[in-house]
Amino acid sequence: MSTSVHVLLVAVLVFSVYLSGGDCQVKQQWRQLAEKRWLAKRAIDWSGMYLPTHVNKSSSCGRAVEAMFDSFTKNETWAAEMVDSWGKTSSGIFYGNSYYPGVIDQCLNVKSPDNAIHGKYCVINIRKASHKKTVHHINLPVTLEHLGLTPFIINDKVTNGTFFRYATCIPDVCSTEELWASLVQEYWEKDYNLLYTFCQPDEMFTAFTAGDIAFIAVVSILFSLMLAAGIVDVYIQNTNNKTLAKGGLKYLLPFSVYTNTQKLFELNTKSSPGTISCLHGIKVLSMTWVIFGHQQSASLQLNANTQDMWKRVNKFLYQAIANAYFSVDTFFMVGGLLLSCSAFRQLKRTGKFNVALFFLHRLVRLVPAIAIVAGLYATVVHFFMSGFFADFWHYWEATCSQIWWRDILFINNFVNEPAGLGLGGDCLGQCWYLAVDTQLYLVAPLIFLPLYYYAPVGKVWMYVLCVLSIYIPAQIIYTYDLPPSSFLVARNADVYYNKVYLTPWCRAGPWLVGIWLGYIMYTQDHKRVVLKKWQVVGGWTAAVCTGVLLVFGVWSYNTVPPKADYDIVTQVVYGGLQRFMWGVVMAWIIYACHYGAGGLVNDFSPPHLAAT
């Protein structure tokens, strides 16, 4: 055998010894293939962790594996390439590296000289066994935890390196079930639990389901409408045919790709009386905060230096990422502000409020977009997903195909239990925000109508709601002994997520502050507001101190492991006040910037109204 093959065998053998802690036990029928070759015997020892060696020898899979072994002992290139494409140990195991993706393209391009055997790329997931030996297999993972996407909390300490995910290349005639059944026998006597296996099926690139066809048809119709409307739009604008624009085609023109593309890329820097221009900068910075926070969260779980990453998490400045949830509260506050501004202006202009149009407008804006994305996840997305993490998308594909309606009905923050084995509890996880925001939107008329028609009563009602928005989360946190916020390591974190993080009554604080600010701006109309120096200094001092305390004040509790255990006062006070007070901080920033007291802060946005 060549030197490269010797090196390859040694590398794989190291991986097998590290995982198994000793020699592998395989059936005698496979040992008979290598009686005269020591290296082939060693290959049999580790092959059980990569190939379905425990299948029936007379089956199609068994014959293919036997042919692969025979070709490998003869040093034939195609079999060696299959082995070479396997995911094997690399440096940094004790540094937190536990993902070994192999080479998918090399595997899929392998074929035997007679074209009878092709490579099939599969992913195997194992975890260090606990005291009780368990098996967690189904065709898809039971929960996301089985995907290795959550830290493993043991005695309040996060332990890494217990989860391993590696790729293999097997003959394409072998099924996922055969690989799974063989691996169960291989790992049963070892120190590791087999979680699940996933093989990338060839038909995922070629087979169209009824759902795929339906989704493609719907999208094709929409694109056709956009194209047809764009052609008509260009014709009308070039011919100035106003009559044609006022006919039945006026219902087609809103789909125009021509006009809508111009609107998407339009940049208007002119200020107007109805524009709160500082919101543009706030939205951009907040969205950047959201994206960066999610990226950092993923990097803690899907990287090759996990141990080093956890060290960085404990640094003081990292709290800006670990406690980035306030970026979402900013959007709740802005949503309440824009809603109240729009509602009060409409009431002033028309003197009436159309409840049906108010609700219909919301549904028309959101439901089609959510339906398209959910349909994409449930159908054709599998045509574009391949590789080491393709099973994640198959997980969401199976979930979205069954419970897409939870997102469409905006109840996915309440009804979020798993839909079944191998399924999640929510199709589009990011849509929890839209569900909460829509639920607050539905009750908004009960808040701003009293403020407009019966201001004294409306203000009292608002005071009561603001107090409740602080009291309710504090009471829930106290009753269930929950953490004051979404900490990196905390007891009852899942209960906190369902009872506090996802519920509209616990997220209403900043939204109500936005309603308040919108009402204040409405009552001041377009009058020029001149803040006194002590008001500006006091306002910015209070806002900065409060914001810093909210983001960085829980550093002692939000580390891995926590430096201190939070007490009941911290739970109730911080847990109840945090979101409402963040809304107040953002309200001051918007108010100060809009009325000319923003200074350097307002330079992040276009010129504001007061400067004109």
Foldseek 3Di string as FASTA:
>chain_A
DDPVLVVLLVQLLVQQCVFFVDWFDADVVCVVLPPPPPSLNSCVRRCLQFALRRDPCPDPQNVQVSVLSNCVVVVHDLSSLQSQQKFTDDPQLVLFAAEGFGHVVSQQPRADPVRPWGKWKKKWKKFFADPDADEAEDQFGQDCVLVQLAFDADPLFTDGSRMHMIMGIGTPVDDLVSSVVSNCVRPVPGRMYTNYMYIQDPCLQPDADPLQVVLVVVVVVLVVLQVVLQVVVVVCVVVVPVVVCPPPCVVSNVSHPVVVVCVVPDDDLDADLLDLFLVVLLLVVLVVLVVVLVVLSRCCRPHSRNNVSQVVCLDLVVLCNQVSCLSLLLVLLQLLQVVLLVVLVVCVVPVDDDLVCLLVVLLVVPLVVLVSVLSCLQGSVSNVADGSPSSVSVLLNVQSVPPSVCLNVLNLLPQWCAPDGSHGRYNDVVSLSVSLSVVCSNCVCVQSVCCNPPVVVSVVVLVVLLVQLLQVQLVVCLVVVWALDQASGTPPNVVCCNPAVRHNSNSCQLSSLSSVLNSVCVVCRSDQDDDDPVCLVVLVVVLVVLVCCLSRVCSQVRHRSRVDDDDSVCNNNSSRCNSNSSSVSSSSCSVCLQNPSNPPSSVSTRHHDNVD
